[in-house]
Amino acid sequence: MLKRVFDVVATIVALVLLSPAITIVAWQISREMGSPVLFRQVRPGLNGKPFEMVKFRTMRDAIDVVGNPLPDSERLTPFGQFLRSSSLDELPELWNVLKGDMSLVGPRPLLMEYLPLYSPEQYRRHEARPGVTGWAQINGRNTLGWDEKFKLDVWYVDNQSLWLDIKILFLTVKKVVVRDGISADGEATMSKFTGNGS
């Protein structure tokens, strides 16, 4: 309950303080890429229950000659790369926090298609609400391998506390300022999870 109260109060304060930045980013996305400004995708939440996560759009709609989407590295715009490196693309997730789908801190919500690929231990990451940031994000972010990332997520589930959340939020700001761990080697963001810790 204390964690939820902290999430709501801190999110409301953040939305008030960041409203100018949110407005400017939305306007710039609309100007450069058109509509929609927001990227919406169903992700697994607490106990694997699906919810619709919202982020700022960072990729253009681009397909090859047979209609398949181009690789992320080719669809990611320079402005989109800036949004990701500064984590500004995550700001709309504050709405998910207010709704109760997410927490400010928790394991990052991944893709629905990964659910059947998890080991029982890896699936335990869903015992906590997914977060805007998390323990794995301040310990390597997208440069971590999947197995290591999941171990950090489960460690957070077993050790979560309000003080740990405050520490993670503080260190997240530090990570964002230095733009550390944005992408994995050779990837625009993070390589695809295929199971078995890969």
N, C-alpha and C. Protein backbone atom coordinates (compact mmCIF):
# COMPACT_ATOMS: atom_id res chain seq x y z
N MET A 1 0.83 -1.20 0.00
CA MET A 1 0.00 0.00 0.00
C MET A 1 0.87 1.26 0.00
N LEU A 2 1.94 1.24 0.82
CA LEU A 2 2.84 2.40 0.89
C LEU A 2 3.50 2.65 -0.46
N LYS A 3 3.88 1.57 -1.14
CA LYS A 3 4.50 1.69 -2.46
C LYS A 3 3.52 2.34 -3.45
N ARG A 4 2.25 1.93 -3.38
CA ARG A 4 1.25 2.47 -4.30
C ARG A 4 1.00 3.95 -4.03
N VAL A 5 0.92 4.33 -2.75
CA VAL A 5 0.74 5.75 -2.41
C VAL A 5 1.92 6.56 -2.90
N PHE A 6 3.13 6.05 -2.70
CA PHE A 6 4.33 6.74 -3.18
C PHE A 6 4.29 6.89 -4.69
N ASP A 7 3.91 5.82 -5.41
CA ASP A 7 3.82 5.87 -6.87
C ASP A 7 2.87 6.98 -7.33
N VAL A 8 1.68 7.04 -6.73
CA VAL A 8 0.68 8.00 -7.17
C VAL A 8 1.13 9.44 -6.88
N VAL A 9 1.61 9.69 -5.67
CA VAL A 9 2.04 11.05 -5.30
C VAL A 9 3.22 11.49 -6.15
N ALA A 10 4.23 10.63 -6.27
CA ALA A 10 5.42 10.98 -7.04
C ALA A 10 5.09 11.17 -8.52
N THR A 11 4.17 10.37 -9.04
CA THR A 11 3.79 10.47 -10.45
C THR A 11 3.05 11.77 -10.73
N ILE A 12 2.15 12.15 -9.84
CA ILE A 12 1.42 13.41 -10.01
C ILE A 12 2.39 14.59 -10.01
N VAL A 13 3.33 14.57 -9.07
CA VAL A 13 4.35 15.64 -9.01
C VAL A 13 5.17 15.65 -10.29
N ALA A 14 5.59 14.47 -10.76
CA ALA A 14 6.39 14.37 -11.98
C ALA A 14 5.63 14.88 -13.19
N LEU A 15 4.35 14.54 -13.29
CA LEU A 15 3.54 14.99 -14.43
C LEU A 15 3.42 16.52 -14.45
N VAL A 16 3.26 17.12 -13.28
CA VAL A 16 3.17 18.59 -13.19
C VAL A 16 4.50 19.22 -13.62
N LEU A 17 5.59 18.71 -13.08
CA LEU A 17 6.90 19.29 -13.37
C LEU A 17 7.34 19.04 -14.81
N LEU A 18 6.95 17.89 -15.35
CA LEU A 18 7.42 17.51 -16.69
C LEU A 18 6.44 17.84 -17.80
N SER A 19 5.30 18.44 -17.46
CA SER A 19 4.29 18.74 -18.48
C SER A 19 4.83 19.60 -19.64
N PRO A 20 5.71 20.59 -19.39
CA PRO A 20 6.27 21.33 -20.54
C PRO A 20 7.08 20.43 -21.46
N ALA A 21 7.91 19.56 -20.89
CA ALA A 21 8.73 18.64 -21.70
C ALA A 21 7.85 17.67 -22.46
N ILE A 22 6.80 17.15 -21.82
CA ILE A 22 5.89 16.22 -22.48
C ILE A 22 5.21 16.90 -23.67
N THR A 23 4.79 18.14 -23.49
CA THR A 23 4.13 18.88 -24.57
C THR A 23 5.07 19.12 -25.74
N ILE A 24 6.29 19.52 -25.44
CA ILE A 24 7.28 19.80 -26.50
C ILE A 24 7.63 18.54 -27.27
N VAL A 25 7.84 17.43 -26.55
CA VAL A 25 8.18 16.16 -27.22
C VAL A 25 7.03 15.70 -28.11
N ALA A 26 5.81 15.80 -27.61
CA ALA A 26 4.65 15.39 -28.41
C ALA A 26 4.54 16.23 -29.68
N TRP A 27 4.76 17.52 -29.55
CA TRP A 27 4.70 18.42 -30.71
C TRP A 27 5.79 18.07 -31.73
N GLN A 28 7.00 17.79 -31.26
CA GLN A 28 8.11 17.48 -32.15
C GLN A 28 7.89 16.15 -32.88
N ILE A 29 7.36 15.15 -32.18
CA ILE A 29 7.06 13.86 -32.83
C ILE A 29 6.02 14.06 -33.92
N SER A 30 4.97 14.82 -33.60
CA SER A 30 3.92 15.09 -34.58
C SER A 30 4.48 15.81 -35.79
N ARG A 31 5.40 16.71 -35.55
CA ARG A 31 6.02 17.50 -36.63
C ARG A 31 6.92 16.64 -37.52
N GLU A 32 7.68 15.73 -36.91
CA GLU A 32 8.65 14.93 -37.66
C GLU A 32 8.07 13.64 -38.24
N MET A 33 7.18 12.98 -37.49
CA MET A 33 6.69 11.67 -37.90
C MET A 33 5.19 11.61 -38.12
N GLY A 34 4.49 12.68 -37.77
CA GLY A 34 3.05 12.67 -37.92
C GLY A 34 2.36 11.85 -36.84
N SER A 35 1.14 11.47 -37.10
CA SER A 35 0.38 10.66 -36.14
C SER A 35 0.62 9.17 -36.37
N PRO A 36 0.51 8.36 -35.33
CA PRO A 36 0.20 8.73 -33.95
C PRO A 36 1.46 9.21 -33.22
N VAL A 37 1.28 10.01 -32.20
CA VAL A 37 2.39 10.48 -31.38
C VAL A 37 2.80 9.40 -30.38
N LEU A 38 1.82 8.63 -29.93
CA LEU A 38 2.08 7.60 -28.93
C LEU A 38 2.20 6.22 -29.56
N PHE A 39 3.07 5.41 -28.98
CA PHE A 39 3.21 4.01 -29.34
C PHE A 39 2.48 3.20 -28.28
N ARG A 40 1.55 2.37 -28.69
CA ARG A 40 0.78 1.55 -27.76
C ARG A 40 1.02 0.07 -28.05
N GLN A 41 1.24 -0.69 -27.00
CA GLN A 41 1.48 -2.13 -27.18
C GLN A 41 1.04 -2.88 -25.93
N VAL A 42 0.41 -4.02 -26.14
CA VAL A 42 -0.01 -4.85 -25.01
C VAL A 42 1.22 -5.56 -24.44
N ARG A 43 1.41 -5.41 -23.14
CA ARG A 43 2.53 -6.04 -22.45
C ARG A 43 2.01 -6.80 -21.23
N PRO A 44 2.78 -7.77 -20.72
CA PRO A 44 2.36 -8.49 -19.52
C PRO A 44 2.64 -7.68 -18.26
N GLY A 45 1.65 -7.59 -17.38
CA GLY A 45 1.82 -6.86 -16.13
C GLY A 45 1.94 -7.79 -14.95
N LEU A 46 1.40 -7.38 -13.81
CA LEU A 46 1.44 -8.18 -12.59
C LEU A 46 0.80 -9.53 -12.84
N ASN A 47 1.53 -10.59 -12.47
CA ASN A 47 1.08 -11.98 -12.67
C ASN A 47 0.85 -12.32 -14.15
N GLY A 48 1.48 -11.55 -15.03
CA GLY A 48 1.37 -11.81 -16.47
C GLY A 48 0.10 -11.29 -17.10
N LYS A 49 -0.72 -10.55 -16.34
CA LYS A 49 -1.98 -10.02 -16.88
C LYS A 49 -1.70 -8.93 -17.90
N PRO A 50 -2.29 -9.02 -19.11
CA PRO A 50 -1.99 -8.04 -20.16
C PRO A 50 -2.54 -6.64 -19.84
N PHE A 51 -1.80 -5.64 -20.25
CA PHE A 51 -2.26 -4.25 -20.18
C PHE A 51 -1.67 -3.50 -21.37
N GLU A 52 -2.25 -2.35 -21.70
CA GLU A 52 -1.74 -1.56 -22.82
C GLU A 52 -0.75 -0.51 -22.31
N MET A 53 0.50 -0.67 -22.67
CA MET A 53 1.54 0.28 -22.29
C MET A 53 1.63 1.38 -23.35
N VAL A 54 1.85 2.61 -22.90
CA VAL A 54 2.01 3.73 -23.82
C VAL A 54 3.39 4.35 -23.67
N LYS A 55 3.98 4.67 -24.81
CA LYS A 55 5.27 5.36 -24.85
C LYS A 55 5.20 6.39 -25.97
N PHE A 56 6.17 7.29 -26.00
CA PHE A 56 6.27 8.16 -27.16
C PHE A 56 6.83 7.36 -28.33
N ARG A 57 6.30 7.62 -29.49
CA ARG A 57 6.75 6.94 -30.71
C ARG A 57 8.17 7.39 -31.06
N THR A 58 9.02 6.42 -31.41
CA THR A 58 10.41 6.73 -31.77
C THR A 58 10.80 6.22 -33.16
N MET A 59 9.91 5.42 -33.77
CA MET A 59 10.23 4.82 -35.07
C MET A 59 9.24 5.26 -36.14
N ARG A 60 9.74 5.41 -37.33
CA ARG A 60 8.87 5.73 -38.45
C ARG A 60 8.28 4.45 -39.02
N ASP A 61 7.15 4.56 -39.71
CA ASP A 61 6.56 3.41 -40.38
C ASP A 61 7.28 3.21 -41.70
N ALA A 62 8.08 2.16 -41.79
CA ALA A 62 8.84 1.89 -43.01
C ALA A 62 8.85 0.39 -43.26
N ILE A 63 8.55 -0.01 -44.48
CA ILE A 63 8.48 -1.43 -44.83
C ILE A 63 9.34 -1.72 -46.05
N ASP A 64 9.66 -3.00 -46.24
CA ASP A 64 10.43 -3.39 -47.41
C ASP A 64 9.48 -3.64 -48.58
N VAL A 65 10.01 -4.15 -49.68
CA VAL A 65 9.23 -4.30 -50.91
C VAL A 65 8.10 -5.32 -50.79
N VAL A 66 8.21 -6.23 -49.80
CA VAL A 66 7.14 -7.23 -49.63
C VAL A 66 6.22 -6.88 -48.46
N GLY A 67 6.41 -5.71 -47.88
CA GLY A 67 5.51 -5.24 -46.84
C GLY A 67 5.90 -5.55 -45.41
N ASN A 68 7.11 -6.09 -45.21
CA ASN A 68 7.58 -6.37 -43.85
C ASN A 68 8.25 -5.14 -43.26
N PRO A 69 8.07 -4.88 -41.97
CA PRO A 69 8.73 -3.73 -41.34
C PRO A 69 10.25 -3.84 -41.45
N LEU A 70 10.90 -2.72 -41.72
CA LEU A 70 12.36 -2.70 -41.77
C LEU A 70 12.92 -2.93 -40.37
N PRO A 71 14.21 -3.32 -40.25
CA PRO A 71 14.81 -3.51 -38.91
C PRO A 71 14.70 -2.24 -38.08
N ASP A 72 14.69 -2.43 -36.75
CA ASP A 72 14.58 -1.28 -35.84
C ASP A 72 15.62 -0.21 -36.13
N SER A 73 16.85 -0.63 -36.45
CA SER A 73 17.93 0.34 -36.68
C SER A 73 17.64 1.24 -37.87
N GLU A 74 16.84 0.77 -38.83
CA GLU A 74 16.52 1.57 -40.00
C GLU A 74 15.26 2.41 -39.81
N ARG A 75 14.40 2.01 -38.88
CA ARG A 75 13.17 2.76 -38.63
C ARG A 75 13.34 3.79 -37.52
N LEU A 76 14.37 3.62 -36.69
CA LEU A 76 14.61 4.54 -35.59
C LEU A 76 15.15 5.86 -36.12
N THR A 77 14.43 6.94 -35.88
CA THR A 77 14.84 8.26 -36.38
C THR A 77 15.88 8.87 -35.45
N PRO A 78 16.64 9.87 -35.93
CA PRO A 78 17.60 10.55 -35.04
C PRO A 78 16.92 11.14 -33.81
N PHE A 79 15.75 11.74 -34.00
CA PHE A 79 15.02 12.27 -32.85
C PHE A 79 14.54 11.15 -31.95
N GLY A 80 14.13 10.04 -32.56
CA GLY A 80 13.73 8.88 -31.77
C GLY A 80 14.89 8.32 -30.96
N GLN A 81 16.08 8.32 -31.54
CA GLN A 81 17.27 7.86 -30.82
C GLN A 81 17.55 8.78 -29.63
N PHE A 82 17.36 10.09 -29.84
CA PHE A 82 17.54 11.04 -28.74
C PHE A 82 16.52 10.78 -27.63
N LEU A 83 15.28 10.52 -28.01
CA LEU A 83 14.26 10.24 -27.01
C LEU A 83 14.62 9.01 -26.19
N ARG A 84 15.13 7.98 -26.85
CA ARG A 84 15.49 6.76 -26.13
C ARG A 84 16.71 6.97 -25.24
N SER A 85 17.71 7.67 -25.77
CA SER A 85 18.94 7.88 -24.99
C SER A 85 18.69 8.76 -23.78
N SER A 86 17.70 9.64 -23.88
CA SER A 86 17.36 10.52 -22.76
C SER A 86 16.22 9.96 -21.92
N SER A 87 15.66 8.82 -22.36
CA SER A 87 14.51 8.17 -21.71
C SER A 87 13.25 9.02 -21.73
N LEU A 88 13.20 10.05 -22.55
CA LEU A 88 12.00 10.86 -22.67
C LEU A 88 10.84 10.08 -23.30
N ASP A 89 11.17 9.04 -24.07
CA ASP A 89 10.11 8.22 -24.67
C ASP A 89 9.29 7.48 -23.62
N GLU A 90 9.83 7.35 -22.40
CA GLU A 90 9.14 6.62 -21.35
C GLU A 90 8.11 7.47 -20.59
N LEU A 91 8.12 8.78 -20.80
CA LEU A 91 7.27 9.65 -19.98
C LEU A 91 5.78 9.30 -20.00
N PRO A 92 5.20 8.90 -21.15
CA PRO A 92 3.77 8.55 -21.12
C PRO A 92 3.44 7.36 -20.22
N GLU A 93 4.44 6.56 -19.84
CA GLU A 93 4.20 5.44 -18.94
C GLU A 93 3.75 5.91 -17.56
N LEU A 94 3.96 7.19 -17.26
CA LEU A 94 3.46 7.73 -16.00
C LEU A 94 1.94 7.58 -15.91
N TRP A 95 1.27 7.62 -17.08
CA TRP A 95 -0.17 7.38 -17.11
C TRP A 95 -0.48 5.95 -16.69
N ASN A 96 0.34 4.99 -17.14
CA ASN A 96 0.17 3.60 -16.73
C ASN A 96 0.36 3.44 -15.22
N VAL A 97 1.26 4.23 -14.65
CA VAL A 97 1.48 4.18 -13.20
C VAL A 97 0.24 4.67 -12.47
N LEU A 98 -0.32 5.79 -12.93
CA LEU A 98 -1.53 6.32 -12.30
C LEU A 98 -2.68 5.33 -12.37
N LYS A 99 -2.80 4.62 -13.50
CA LYS A 99 -3.87 3.64 -13.67
C LYS A 99 -3.68 2.40 -12.81
N GLY A 100 -2.44 2.17 -12.36
CA GLY A 100 -2.17 1.00 -11.55
C GLY A 100 -1.65 -0.19 -12.33
N ASP A 101 -1.45 0.00 -13.64
CA ASP A 101 -0.89 -1.08 -14.47
C ASP A 101 0.59 -1.27 -14.20
N MET A 102 1.27 -0.18 -13.84
CA MET A 102 2.70 -0.19 -13.64
C MET A 102 3.04 0.51 -12.32
N SER A 103 4.28 0.34 -11.91
CA SER A 103 4.84 1.06 -10.78
C SER A 103 5.98 1.92 -11.31
N LEU A 104 6.42 2.89 -10.53
CA LEU A 104 7.60 3.64 -10.95
C LEU A 104 8.81 2.73 -11.03
N VAL A 105 8.89 1.76 -10.11
CA VAL A 105 10.04 0.84 -10.08
C VAL A 105 9.53 -0.59 -10.09
N GLY A 106 10.14 -1.40 -10.94
CA GLY A 106 9.79 -2.81 -11.04
C GLY A 106 10.46 -3.39 -12.28
N PRO A 107 10.35 -4.68 -12.52
CA PRO A 107 10.90 -5.26 -13.75
C PRO A 107 10.24 -4.62 -14.98
N ARG A 108 11.03 -4.30 -15.97
CA ARG A 108 10.48 -3.66 -17.17
C ARG A 108 9.51 -4.60 -17.88
N PRO A 109 8.36 -4.08 -18.35
CA PRO A 109 7.42 -4.93 -19.09
C PRO A 109 7.98 -5.29 -20.46
N LEU A 110 8.07 -6.57 -20.74
CA LEU A 110 8.63 -7.03 -22.02
C LEU A 110 7.49 -7.40 -22.96
N LEU A 111 7.70 -8.34 -23.86
CA LEU A 111 6.69 -8.67 -24.87
C LEU A 111 5.84 -9.86 -24.43
N MET A 112 4.58 -9.85 -24.84
CA MET A 112 3.68 -10.97 -24.52
C MET A 112 4.22 -12.28 -25.08
N GLU A 113 4.88 -12.21 -26.23
CA GLU A 113 5.36 -13.43 -26.87
C GLU A 113 6.46 -14.13 -26.07
N TYR A 114 7.06 -13.42 -25.09
CA TYR A 114 8.11 -14.02 -24.28
C TYR A 114 7.55 -14.92 -23.16
N LEU A 115 6.29 -14.73 -22.79
CA LEU A 115 5.74 -15.43 -21.62
C LEU A 115 5.96 -16.94 -21.64
N PRO A 116 5.67 -17.63 -22.76
CA PRO A 116 5.87 -19.09 -22.75
C PRO A 116 7.34 -19.52 -22.81
N LEU A 117 8.24 -18.56 -23.00
CA LEU A 117 9.67 -18.88 -23.12
C LEU A 117 10.40 -18.85 -21.79
N TYR A 118 9.77 -18.26 -20.76
CA TYR A 118 10.44 -18.13 -19.47
C TYR A 118 10.54 -19.46 -18.74
N SER A 119 11.63 -19.63 -18.00
CA SER A 119 11.70 -20.72 -17.03
C SER A 119 10.83 -20.33 -15.84
N PRO A 120 10.45 -21.28 -14.98
CA PRO A 120 9.65 -20.91 -13.79
C PRO A 120 10.30 -19.81 -12.96
N GLU A 121 11.62 -19.85 -12.83
CA GLU A 121 12.32 -18.81 -12.05
C GLU A 121 12.25 -17.46 -12.76
N GLN A 122 12.45 -17.44 -14.07
CA GLN A 122 12.38 -16.19 -14.82
C GLN A 122 10.97 -15.59 -14.77
N TYR A 123 9.96 -16.45 -14.76
CA TYR A 123 8.57 -15.97 -14.74
C TYR A 123 8.25 -15.24 -13.44
N ARG A 124 9.04 -15.47 -12.41
CA ARG A 124 8.80 -14.82 -11.12
C ARG A 124 8.93 -13.31 -11.22
N ARG A 125 9.53 -12.79 -12.29
CA ARG A 125 9.62 -11.33 -12.46
C ARG A 125 8.23 -10.70 -12.50
N HIS A 126 7.22 -11.50 -12.81
CA HIS A 126 5.85 -10.99 -12.88
C HIS A 126 5.13 -11.01 -11.54
N GLU A 127 5.87 -11.32 -10.47
CA GLU A 127 5.28 -11.27 -9.14
C GLU A 127 5.23 -9.83 -8.61
N ALA A 128 5.82 -8.91 -9.35
CA ALA A 128 5.75 -7.48 -9.01
C ALA A 128 5.19 -6.72 -10.21
N ARG A 129 4.56 -5.57 -9.95
CA ARG A 129 4.12 -4.74 -11.06
C ARG A 129 5.32 -4.32 -11.89
N PRO A 130 5.19 -4.29 -13.21
CA PRO A 130 6.30 -3.81 -14.05
C PRO A 130 6.56 -2.33 -13.77
N GLY A 131 7.79 -1.91 -14.01
CA GLY A 131 8.17 -0.55 -13.66
C GLY A 131 8.62 0.30 -14.84
N VAL A 132 8.56 1.60 -14.65
CA VAL A 132 9.13 2.54 -15.61
C VAL A 132 10.64 2.38 -15.62
N THR A 133 11.21 2.11 -14.46
CA THR A 133 12.62 1.77 -14.33
C THR A 133 12.73 0.60 -13.37
N GLY A 134 13.92 0.04 -13.24
CA GLY A 134 14.08 -1.12 -12.38
C GLY A 134 15.52 -1.39 -12.00
N TRP A 135 15.71 -2.43 -11.20
CA TRP A 135 17.03 -2.82 -10.73
C TRP A 135 17.96 -3.17 -11.89
N ALA A 136 17.43 -3.86 -12.89
CA ALA A 136 18.25 -4.22 -14.05
C ALA A 136 18.65 -2.97 -14.84
N GLN A 137 17.77 -1.95 -14.87
CA GLN A 137 18.05 -0.75 -15.66
C GLN A 137 19.21 0.06 -15.08
N ILE A 138 19.42 0.00 -13.78
CA ILE A 138 20.55 0.75 -13.21
C ILE A 138 21.79 -0.12 -13.09
N ASN A 139 21.67 -1.39 -13.51
CA ASN A 139 22.82 -2.30 -13.45
C ASN A 139 23.20 -2.84 -14.82
N GLY A 140 23.01 -2.00 -15.85
CA GLY A 140 23.43 -2.41 -17.18
C GLY A 140 22.45 -2.14 -18.28
N ARG A 141 21.16 -2.06 -17.92
CA ARG A 141 20.10 -1.75 -18.88
C ARG A 141 20.17 -2.70 -20.08
N ASN A 142 20.20 -2.19 -21.31
CA ASN A 142 20.16 -3.04 -22.50
C ASN A 142 21.49 -3.71 -22.84
N THR A 143 22.55 -3.39 -22.10
CA THR A 143 23.84 -4.05 -22.36
C THR A 143 23.93 -5.40 -21.66
N LEU A 144 22.99 -5.70 -20.78
CA LEU A 144 22.98 -6.98 -20.08
C LEU A 144 22.48 -8.10 -20.97
N GLY A 145 22.96 -9.30 -20.73
CA GLY A 145 22.39 -10.47 -21.37
C GLY A 145 21.05 -10.78 -20.71
N TRP A 146 20.20 -11.54 -21.41
CA TRP A 146 18.87 -11.82 -20.88
C TRP A 146 18.91 -12.55 -19.55
N ASP A 147 19.76 -13.54 -19.42
CA ASP A 147 19.80 -14.34 -18.19
C ASP A 147 20.16 -13.46 -17.00
N GLU A 148 21.14 -12.59 -17.19
CA GLU A 148 21.56 -11.69 -16.12
C GLU A 148 20.45 -10.69 -15.78
N LYS A 149 19.79 -10.19 -16.81
CA LYS A 149 18.69 -9.25 -16.60
C LYS A 149 17.58 -9.88 -15.77
N PHE A 150 17.21 -11.13 -16.10
CA PHE A 150 16.14 -11.79 -15.37
C PHE A 150 16.54 -12.07 -13.92
N LYS A 151 17.79 -12.40 -13.69
CA LYS A 151 18.25 -12.63 -12.31
C LYS A 151 18.12 -11.35 -11.49
N LEU A 152 18.44 -10.22 -12.10
CA LEU A 152 18.31 -8.94 -11.41
C LEU A 152 16.83 -8.62 -11.14
N ASP A 153 15.96 -8.94 -12.11
CA ASP A 153 14.53 -8.71 -11.92
C ASP A 153 13.99 -9.53 -10.75
N VAL A 154 14.37 -10.79 -10.68
CA VAL A 154 13.90 -11.67 -9.61
C VAL A 154 14.48 -11.22 -8.27
N TRP A 155 15.73 -10.76 -8.28
CA TRP A 155 16.33 -10.23 -7.04
C TRP A 155 15.50 -9.07 -6.53
N TYR A 156 15.06 -8.20 -7.44
CA TYR A 156 14.23 -7.07 -7.01
C TYR A 156 12.91 -7.55 -6.41
N VAL A 157 12.28 -8.53 -7.05
CA VAL A 157 11.02 -9.08 -6.53
C VAL A 157 11.20 -9.55 -5.09
N ASP A 158 12.32 -10.20 -4.80
CA ASP A 158 12.56 -10.76 -3.47
C ASP A 158 13.02 -9.71 -2.46
N ASN A 159 13.48 -8.56 -2.91
CA ASN A 159 14.07 -7.58 -2.00
C ASN A 159 13.43 -6.20 -2.07
N GLN A 160 12.29 -6.08 -2.75
CA GLN A 160 11.70 -4.76 -2.96
C GLN A 160 11.30 -4.09 -1.65
N SER A 161 11.50 -2.80 -1.62
CA SER A 161 11.13 -1.96 -0.49
C SER A 161 11.04 -0.53 -0.98
N LEU A 162 10.41 0.34 -0.20
CA LEU A 162 10.29 1.73 -0.58
C LEU A 162 11.65 2.39 -0.70
N TRP A 163 12.55 2.08 0.24
CA TRP A 163 13.87 2.69 0.21
C TRP A 163 14.68 2.22 -1.00
N LEU A 164 14.51 0.95 -1.37
CA LEU A 164 15.19 0.45 -2.57
C LEU A 164 14.64 1.17 -3.80
N ASP A 165 13.32 1.39 -3.84
CA ASP A 165 12.72 2.11 -4.97
C ASP A 165 13.29 3.53 -5.08
N ILE A 166 13.42 4.20 -3.96
CA ILE A 166 13.97 5.57 -3.97
C ILE A 166 15.41 5.56 -4.48
N LYS A 167 16.18 4.57 -4.04
CA LYS A 167 17.56 4.44 -4.50
C LYS A 167 17.61 4.20 -6.01
N ILE A 168 16.73 3.33 -6.50
CA ILE A 168 16.71 3.02 -7.94
C ILE A 168 16.31 4.25 -8.74
N LEU A 169 15.33 5.01 -8.26
CA LEU A 169 14.91 6.23 -8.97
C LEU A 169 16.05 7.24 -9.02
N PHE A 170 16.76 7.40 -7.92
CA PHE A 170 17.90 8.33 -7.88
C PHE A 170 18.98 7.90 -8.86
N LEU A 171 19.32 6.61 -8.87
CA LEU A 171 20.37 6.11 -9.76
C LEU A 171 19.91 6.12 -11.22
N THR A 172 18.60 5.99 -11.44
CA THR A 172 18.07 6.07 -12.81
C THR A 172 18.32 7.45 -13.39
N VAL A 173 18.06 8.48 -12.60
CA VAL A 173 18.31 9.86 -13.05
C VAL A 173 19.78 10.02 -13.43
N LYS A 174 20.66 9.45 -12.60
CA LYS A 174 22.09 9.52 -12.88
C LYS A 174 22.43 8.81 -14.20
N LYS A 175 21.85 7.64 -14.42
CA LYS A 175 22.07 6.88 -15.65
C LYS A 175 21.58 7.65 -16.87
N VAL A 176 20.41 8.27 -16.73
CA VAL A 176 19.84 9.02 -17.85
C VAL A 176 20.73 10.20 -18.22
N VAL A 177 21.25 10.88 -17.21
CA VAL A 177 22.10 12.05 -17.46
C VAL A 177 23.34 11.67 -18.26
N VAL A 178 23.96 10.52 -17.93
CA VAL A 178 25.17 10.09 -18.65
C VAL A 178 24.84 9.21 -19.85
N ARG A 179 23.53 8.89 -20.04
CA ARG A 179 23.06 8.09 -21.17
C ARG A 179 23.81 6.77 -21.28
N ASP A 180 23.79 6.02 -20.20
CA ASP A 180 24.54 4.78 -20.09
C ASP A 180 23.64 3.58 -20.34
N GLY A 181 24.15 2.60 -21.13
CA GLY A 181 23.45 1.33 -21.31
C GLY A 181 22.23 1.39 -22.20
N ILE A 182 22.23 2.30 -23.19
CA ILE A 182 21.05 2.48 -24.02
C ILE A 182 20.77 1.28 -24.91
N SER A 183 21.81 0.70 -25.49
CA SER A 183 21.59 -0.39 -26.43
C SER A 183 22.63 -1.49 -26.27
N ALA A 184 22.27 -2.67 -26.73
CA ALA A 184 23.20 -3.79 -26.74
C ALA A 184 24.11 -3.67 -27.95
N ASP A 185 25.28 -4.31 -27.90
CA ASP A 185 26.22 -4.27 -29.01
C ASP A 185 25.58 -4.78 -30.28
N GLY A 186 25.66 -3.97 -31.35
CA GLY A 186 25.13 -4.36 -32.64
C GLY A 186 23.63 -4.29 -32.77
N GLU A 187 22.95 -3.71 -31.77
CA GLU A 187 21.50 -3.63 -31.79
C GLU A 187 21.06 -2.19 -31.61
N ALA A 188 19.90 -1.84 -32.17
CA ALA A 188 19.36 -0.51 -31.95
C ALA A 188 18.89 -0.36 -30.51
N THR A 189 18.40 -1.46 -29.94
CA THR A 189 17.96 -1.43 -28.55
C THR A 189 18.47 -2.68 -27.82
N MET A 190 17.67 -3.75 -27.83
CA MET A 190 18.03 -5.00 -27.18
C MET A 190 17.71 -6.15 -28.09
N SER A 191 18.57 -7.18 -28.10
CA SER A 191 18.33 -8.33 -28.94
C SER A 191 17.07 -9.07 -28.49
N LYS A 192 16.48 -9.84 -29.39
CA LYS A 192 15.23 -10.58 -29.11
C LYS A 192 15.50 -11.75 -28.18
N PHE A 193 14.61 -11.96 -27.22
CA PHE A 193 14.72 -13.10 -26.31
C PHE A 193 14.13 -14.33 -26.99
N THR A 194 14.90 -15.42 -27.01
CA THR A 194 14.45 -16.65 -27.67
C THR A 194 14.34 -17.82 -26.70
N GLY A 195 14.48 -17.55 -25.41
CA GLY A 195 14.35 -18.61 -24.42
C GLY A 195 15.68 -19.12 -23.94
N ASN A 196 15.68 -19.89 -22.85
CA ASN A 196 16.87 -20.52 -22.30
C ASN A 196 17.98 -19.53 -21.97
N GLY A 197 17.57 -18.32 -21.52
CA GLY A 197 18.56 -17.33 -21.10
C GLY A 197 19.27 -16.67 -22.23
N SER A 198 18.81 -16.86 -23.50
CA SER A 198 19.51 -16.29 -24.65
C SER A 198 19.01 -14.91 -24.97
